């Protein structure tokens, strides 16, 4: 039976739990020695959610709560953020986050112009933005993971105005302007509304393009400003590198992901195995477990 918040027989385990599983955000595309060849922003980590009346990345209905069996250990992995691209190199994808059978896919790395051609943004939970630059090649943003949808596509790069913004959990890169990262989504699984899963801003011209709301890092520019990293435990994408003569224009790494689980507080505490960094809070009639680093198991 499904019990309401705050209700549960003493000495029992829940039959279902709600979750928010966000993967690591990707690194932004690398810097280039020539303006305007800027890197794309890193895509946000995949965003999967089961909280009633909230949405998953891409605007779909929330997924079903996860059925659990008392005494059976379930795997939890918190994905790390991907590294920024080196000189003329594509950003690294973020790592997947896992809760039992629920896997959120790491964000897609930001694209780059490698000296002879454009390397587009990479596929991921949310995808990386495309690079800026002239000449032959692909400057397209990457494509989001399609099954299940966990976020949005990266924005396309522009030959004159900078790299494309990384996709966010709530919208595509460039939605709010060229080179800006896509915004993330808000969730109230912890009791208050928190936005996570913002895409990284692409490398810009004279300004640093904004990352998406929810932890996306800002992009570098050609005025000696480096990009900024995606925020920790948001799955935010890192900012893309700029076009300049030194590594002062470098992009930045993606932010780590997070796994959040809740169930009515009338049930027993869960047992968390070694290897995981976690906290337990009780609020609003729920026990809420926040897993912020590592890999291990949880048993209800």
Protein backbone atom coordinates (compact mmCIF):
# COMPACT_ATOMS: atom_id res chain seq x y z
CA UNK A 1 0.00 0.00 0.00
CA UNK A 2 1.08 3.60 -0.59
CA UNK A 3 1.09 5.62 2.65
CA UNK A 4 0.82 9.37 2.97
CA UNK A 5 3.60 11.60 4.24
CA UNK A 6 4.15 11.19 7.96
CA UNK A 7 2.25 7.90 8.13
CA UNK A 8 3.80 4.44 8.38
CA UNK A 9 3.79 1.39 10.62
CA UNK A 10 6.60 1.22 13.15
CA UNK A 11 9.48 -0.98 12.06
CA UNK A 12 8.60 -0.93 8.37
CA UNK A 13 10.07 0.00 4.99
CA UNK A 14 8.42 2.07 2.26
CA UNK A 15 7.08 0.34 -0.84
CA UNK A 16 7.92 3.27 -3.12
CA UNK A 17 10.26 6.25 -2.93
CA UNK A 18 10.40 9.52 -4.85
CA UNK A 19 13.63 10.67 -6.43
CA UNK A 20 15.51 13.38 -8.28
CA UNK A 21 18.60 12.05 -10.07
CA UNK A 22 20.86 14.58 -11.80
CA UNK A 23 24.05 13.57 -13.62
CA UNK A 24 27.30 15.52 -13.78
CA UNK A 25 27.44 18.53 -16.09
CA UNK A 26 29.88 18.64 -19.00
CA UNK A 27 32.95 20.78 -19.49
CA UNK A 28 32.91 23.70 -21.89
CA UNK A 29 34.76 23.58 -25.19
CA UNK A 30 38.43 24.60 -25.17
CA UNK A 31 39.93 27.95 -25.98
CA UNK A 32 41.42 28.90 -29.31
CA UNK A 33 44.29 31.24 -30.20
CA UNK A 34 42.21 33.30 -32.64
CA UNK A 35 39.09 35.37 -32.15
CA UNK A 36 36.18 34.68 -32.88
CA UNK A 37 36.78 30.94 -32.56
CA UNK A 38 35.16 30.36 -29.19
CA UNK A 39 34.12 27.07 -27.58
CA UNK A 40 30.58 25.95 -26.86
CA UNK A 41 29.13 25.72 -23.36
CA UNK A 42 28.88 22.36 -21.62
CA UNK A 43 25.50 20.66 -21.42
CA UNK A 44 23.79 20.08 -18.09
CA UNK A 45 23.61 16.61 -16.61
CA UNK A 46 20.51 14.55 -17.30
CA UNK A 47 17.55 15.33 -15.03
CA UNK A 48 15.14 12.57 -13.98
CA UNK A 49 12.41 13.18 -11.46
CA UNK A 50 9.40 11.42 -9.96
CA UNK A 51 7.88 14.15 -7.78
CA UNK A 52 4.18 14.56 -8.53
CA UNK A 53 3.19 17.62 -10.59
CA UNK A 54 6.79 18.43 -11.51
CA UNK A 55 8.36 17.92 -14.92
CA UNK A 56 11.35 16.10 -16.29
CA UNK A 57 13.78 17.69 -18.71
CA UNK A 58 11.99 18.27 -21.98
CA UNK A 59 8.66 19.13 -20.39
CA UNK A 60 7.26 15.61 -20.00
CA UNK A 61 5.21 14.37 -17.05
CA UNK A 62 7.06 13.22 -13.96
CA UNK A 63 8.13 9.59 -13.98
CA UNK A 64 6.69 6.97 -11.66
CA UNK A 65 8.06 6.61 -8.15
CA UNK A 66 10.49 3.72 -7.74
CA UNK A 67 9.23 0.51 -6.14
CA UNK A 68 11.61 -0.81 -3.47
CA UNK A 69 11.88 -3.96 -1.36
CA UNK A 70 12.86 -3.80 2.29
CA UNK A 71 16.30 -5.24 3.01
CA UNK A 72 17.49 -5.11 -0.62
CA UNK A 73 20.52 -2.88 -1.24
CA UNK A 74 20.20 -0.46 -4.15
CA UNK A 75 23.11 1.21 -5.95
CA UNK A 76 23.60 4.97 -5.72
CA UNK A 77 26.23 6.82 -7.77
CA UNK A 78 26.72 10.58 -7.89
CA UNK A 79 28.19 11.59 -11.24
CA UNK A 80 31.14 13.99 -11.41
CA UNK A 81 31.44 16.98 -13.71
CA UNK A 82 33.37 16.70 -16.95
CA UNK A 83 36.67 18.51 -17.50
CA UNK A 84 36.95 21.60 -19.67
CA UNK A 85 38.37 21.14 -23.14
CA UNK A 86 42.07 21.87 -23.48
CA UNK A 87 43.47 24.07 -26.28
CA UNK A 88 41.31 23.36 -29.37
CA UNK A 89 39.75 20.32 -27.67
CA UNK A 90 36.11 19.39 -27.07
CA UNK A 91 34.86 19.46 -23.46
CA UNK A 92 34.50 16.16 -21.60
CA UNK A 93 31.06 14.71 -20.92
CA UNK A 94 29.83 14.56 -17.34
CA UNK A 95 29.48 11.20 -15.59
CA UNK A 96 26.17 9.41 -15.10
CA UNK A 97 24.28 9.44 -11.81
CA UNK A 98 22.43 6.28 -10.78
CA UNK A 99 19.74 5.29 -8.31
CA UNK A 100 18.90 1.59 -8.73
CA UNK A 101 17.31 1.29 -12.21
CA UNK A 102 17.23 5.06 -12.76
CA UNK A 103 20.21 6.36 -14.73
CA UNK A 104 20.67 10.01 -15.62
CA UNK A 105 23.11 10.60 -18.47
CA UNK A 106 26.05 12.98 -18.10
CA UNK A 107 25.92 16.27 -19.96
CA UNK A 108 27.47 16.61 -23.43
CA UNK A 109 30.78 18.43 -23.85
CA UNK A 110 30.99 21.82 -25.52
CA UNK A 111 32.29 21.93 -29.11
CA UNK A 112 35.44 23.61 -30.39
CA UNK A 113 37.18 24.79 -33.55
CA UNK A 114 40.30 22.65 -33.73
CA UNK A 115 42.32 24.70 -36.20
CA UNK A 116 40.89 23.29 -39.42
CA UNK A 117 37.29 22.38 -38.76
CA UNK A 118 34.51 22.80 -36.24
CA UNK A 119 33.76 19.95 -33.83
CA UNK A 120 30.12 20.20 -32.77
CA UNK A 121 28.76 19.90 -29.24
CA UNK A 122 28.45 16.37 -27.89
CA UNK A 123 25.32 14.37 -27.11
CA UNK A 124 24.37 14.08 -23.44
CA UNK A 125 21.53 14.30 -20.94
CA UNK A 126 21.52 17.92 -22.08
CA UNK A 127 23.87 18.49 -24.99
CA UNK A 128 26.87 20.74 -25.50
CA UNK A 129 26.85 23.97 -27.49
CA UNK A 130 28.53 24.24 -30.87
CA UNK A 131 31.74 26.25 -31.45
CA UNK A 132 32.21 29.56 -33.21
CA UNK A 133 34.56 30.08 -36.13
CA UNK A 134 34.97 30.39 -39.88
CA UNK A 135 35.76 27.81 -42.51
CA UNK A 136 34.39 24.37 -43.22
CA UNK A 137 32.96 22.12 -40.55
CA UNK A 138 30.13 21.67 -38.12
CA UNK A 139 29.19 24.38 -35.63
CA UNK A 140 26.00 22.74 -34.47
CA UNK A 141 25.03 22.14 -30.89
CA UNK A 142 24.73 18.55 -29.76
CA UNK A 143 21.54 16.52 -29.48
CA UNK A 144 19.97 15.60 -26.14
CA UNK A 145 19.55 12.02 -24.96
CA UNK A 146 16.22 10.88 -26.39
CA UNK A 147 15.16 7.86 -24.37
CA UNK A 148 14.13 8.93 -21.86
CA UNK A 149 14.30 12.67 -22.50
CA UNK A 150 16.37 14.26 -19.73
CA UNK A 151 17.13 17.76 -21.00
CA UNK A 152 17.59 19.89 -24.13
CA UNK A 153 19.84 20.39 -27.14
CA UNK A 154 22.90 22.64 -27.22
CA UNK A 155 22.76 25.92 -29.13
CA UNK A 156 24.52 26.42 -32.45
CA UNK A 157 27.70 28.46 -32.61
CA UNK A 158 27.85 31.73 -34.54
CA UNK A 159 30.78 32.83 -36.67
CA UNK A 160 30.79 36.36 -35.30
CA UNK A 161 29.08 36.25 -31.92
CA UNK A 162 30.49 33.28 -30.05
CA UNK A 163 29.97 29.63 -29.26
CA UNK A 164 26.57 28.14 -28.56
CA UNK A 165 25.19 27.81 -25.05
CA UNK A 166 24.94 24.35 -23.53
CA UNK A 167 21.50 22.80 -23.19
CA UNK A 168 19.77 22.91 -19.82
CA UNK A 169 17.21 20.68 -18.15
CA UNK A 170 14.47 23.22 -18.87
CA UNK A 171 15.39 24.77 -22.24
CA UNK A 172 17.85 24.60 -25.12
CA UNK A 173 21.05 26.59 -25.32
CA UNK A 174 20.72 30.06 -26.90
CA UNK A 175 17.01 30.27 -25.95
CA UNK A 176 17.60 33.53 -24.05
CA UNK A 177 20.21 34.90 -26.45
CA UNK A 178 23.19 33.77 -28.51
CA UNK A 179 25.76 31.91 -26.41
CA UNK A 180 23.63 31.79 -23.24
CA UNK A 181 23.19 28.45 -21.49
CA UNK A 182 19.74 26.91 -21.24
CA UNK A 183 17.95 27.25 -17.92
CA UNK A 184 17.44 24.31 -15.58
CA UNK A 185 14.33 23.10 -13.77
CA UNK A 186 13.10 23.68 -10.23
CA UNK A 187 12.19 20.90 -7.82
CA UNK A 188 10.65 20.97 -4.35
CA UNK A 189 11.71 17.44 -3.38
CA UNK A 190 13.65 18.86 -0.41
CA UNK A 191 10.71 21.02 0.68
CA UNK A 192 11.76 24.31 -0.90
CA UNK A 193 12.01 25.01 -4.62
CA UNK A 194 15.58 24.74 -5.95
CA UNK A 195 16.63 25.15 -9.59
CA UNK A 196 19.31 22.81 -10.94
CA UNK A 197 20.57 21.62 -14.31
CA UNK A 198 21.57 24.86 -16.06
CA UNK A 199 23.66 24.72 -19.24
CA UNK A 200 27.02 26.47 -19.54
CA UNK A 201 27.38 29.72 -21.47
CA UNK A 202 29.38 29.57 -24.70
CA UNK A 203 32.58 31.53 -25.23
CA UNK A 204 31.74 35.14 -26.12
CA UNK A 205 33.02 38.31 -27.71
CA UNK A 206 33.58 41.22 -25.32
CA UNK A 207 31.22 39.91 -22.65
CA UNK A 208 30.98 36.62 -20.77
CA UNK A 209 27.73 34.88 -21.79
CA UNK A 210 25.58 33.81 -18.87
CA UNK A 211 25.10 30.21 -17.86
CA UNK A 212 21.59 28.90 -17.47
CA UNK A 213 19.71 29.28 -14.21
CA UNK A 214 20.43 26.29 -12.02
CA UNK A 215 24.22 26.20 -11.84
CA UNK A 216 25.39 26.81 -15.40
CA UNK A 217 28.82 28.47 -15.61
CA UNK A 218 29.52 31.65 -17.57
CA UNK A 219 31.50 31.53 -20.79
CA UNK A 220 34.93 33.07 -21.34
CA UNK A 221 35.46 36.06 -23.63
CA UNK A 222 38.33 37.56 -25.59
CA UNK A 223 39.22 40.05 -22.87
CA UNK A 224 41.22 37.71 -20.63
CA UNK A 225 38.24 36.37 -18.69
CA UNK A 226 38.14 32.61 -18.16
CA UNK A 227 34.90 30.68 -18.06
CA UNK A 228 33.44 29.57 -14.75
CA UNK A 229 32.61 26.05 -13.66
CA UNK A 230 29.15 24.61 -13.24
CA UNK A 231 27.99 24.72 -9.62
CA UNK A 232 28.60 21.71 -7.38
CA UNK A 233 25.65 19.28 -6.98
CA UNK A 234 23.52 20.98 -9.64
CA UNK A 235 24.73 19.17 -12.76
CA UNK A 236 25.42 22.59 -14.30
CA UNK A 237 27.48 22.77 -17.49
CA UNK A 238 30.81 24.60 -17.58
CA UNK A 239 31.39 27.78 -19.56
CA UNK A 240 33.03 27.58 -23.00
CA UNK A 241 36.50 28.90 -23.82
CA UNK A 242 37.14 32.15 -25.69
CA UNK A 243 39.17 33.14 -28.72
CA UNK A 244 42.44 34.68 -27.58
CA UNK A 245 46.19 34.24 -27.49
CA UNK A 246 46.59 32.51 -24.13
CA UNK A 247 45.02 30.06 -21.75
CA UNK A 248 43.58 33.07 -19.92
CA UNK A 249 40.60 32.44 -22.19
CA UNK A 250 40.04 28.87 -21.05
CA UNK A 251 36.68 27.22 -20.55
CA UNK A 252 35.62 25.48 -17.36
CA UNK A 253 34.53 22.15 -15.90
CA UNK A 254 30.98 20.98 -15.33
CA UNK A 255 29.41 20.73 -11.89
CA UNK A 256 28.85 17.44 -10.08
CA UNK A 257 25.41 15.86 -9.95
CA UNK A 258 23.20 14.86 -7.04
CA UNK A 259 20.79 12.08 -6.02
CA UNK A 260 17.83 13.01 -3.80
CA UNK A 261 15.39 10.48 -2.34
CA UNK A 262 12.37 10.94 -0.08
CA UNK A 263 9.61 8.88 1.52
CA UNK A 264 7.13 9.39 4.41
CA UNK A 265 8.83 9.82 7.75
CA UNK A 266 6.69 7.19 9.49
CA UNK A 267 8.92 4.53 7.95
CA UNK A 268 12.31 3.41 9.27
CA UNK A 269 15.56 5.17 8.43
CA UNK A 270 17.46 3.80 5.45
CA UNK A 271 20.93 2.26 5.82
CA UNK A 272 23.58 4.02 3.75
CA UNK A 273 26.66 2.01 2.85
CA UNK A 274 30.29 3.10 2.77
CA UNK A 275 31.52 5.23 -0.10
CA UNK A 276 28.67 7.74 -0.19
CA UNK A 277 28.52 11.26 1.20
CA UNK A 278 24.96 11.81 2.40
CA UNK A 279 22.75 13.75 4.75
CA UNK A 280 19.32 12.95 6.18
CA UNK A 281 16.77 15.65 6.92
CA UNK A 282 13.18 15.30 8.09
CA UNK A 283 10.85 17.97 6.76
CA UNK A 284 7.23 18.29 5.75
CA UNK A 285 6.42 14.71 6.77
CA UNK A 286 9.25 13.19 4.72
CA UNK A 287 12.66 11.65 5.29
CA UNK A 288 14.92 13.19 2.65
CA UNK A 289 18.30 11.70 1.75
CA UNK A 290 20.74 13.90 -0.15
CA UNK A 291 23.64 12.03 -1.77
CA UNK A 292 26.31 14.51 -2.86
CA UNK A 293 29.37 12.41 -3.76
CA UNK A 294 30.63 8.87 -4.22
CA UNK A 295 29.15 5.50 -5.00
CA UNK A 296 27.66 2.89 -2.67
CA UNK A 297 24.33 1.45 -1.63
CA UNK A 298 21.16 2.41 0.21
CA UNK A 299 18.87 -0.13 1.87
CA UNK A 300 15.31 0.62 3.02
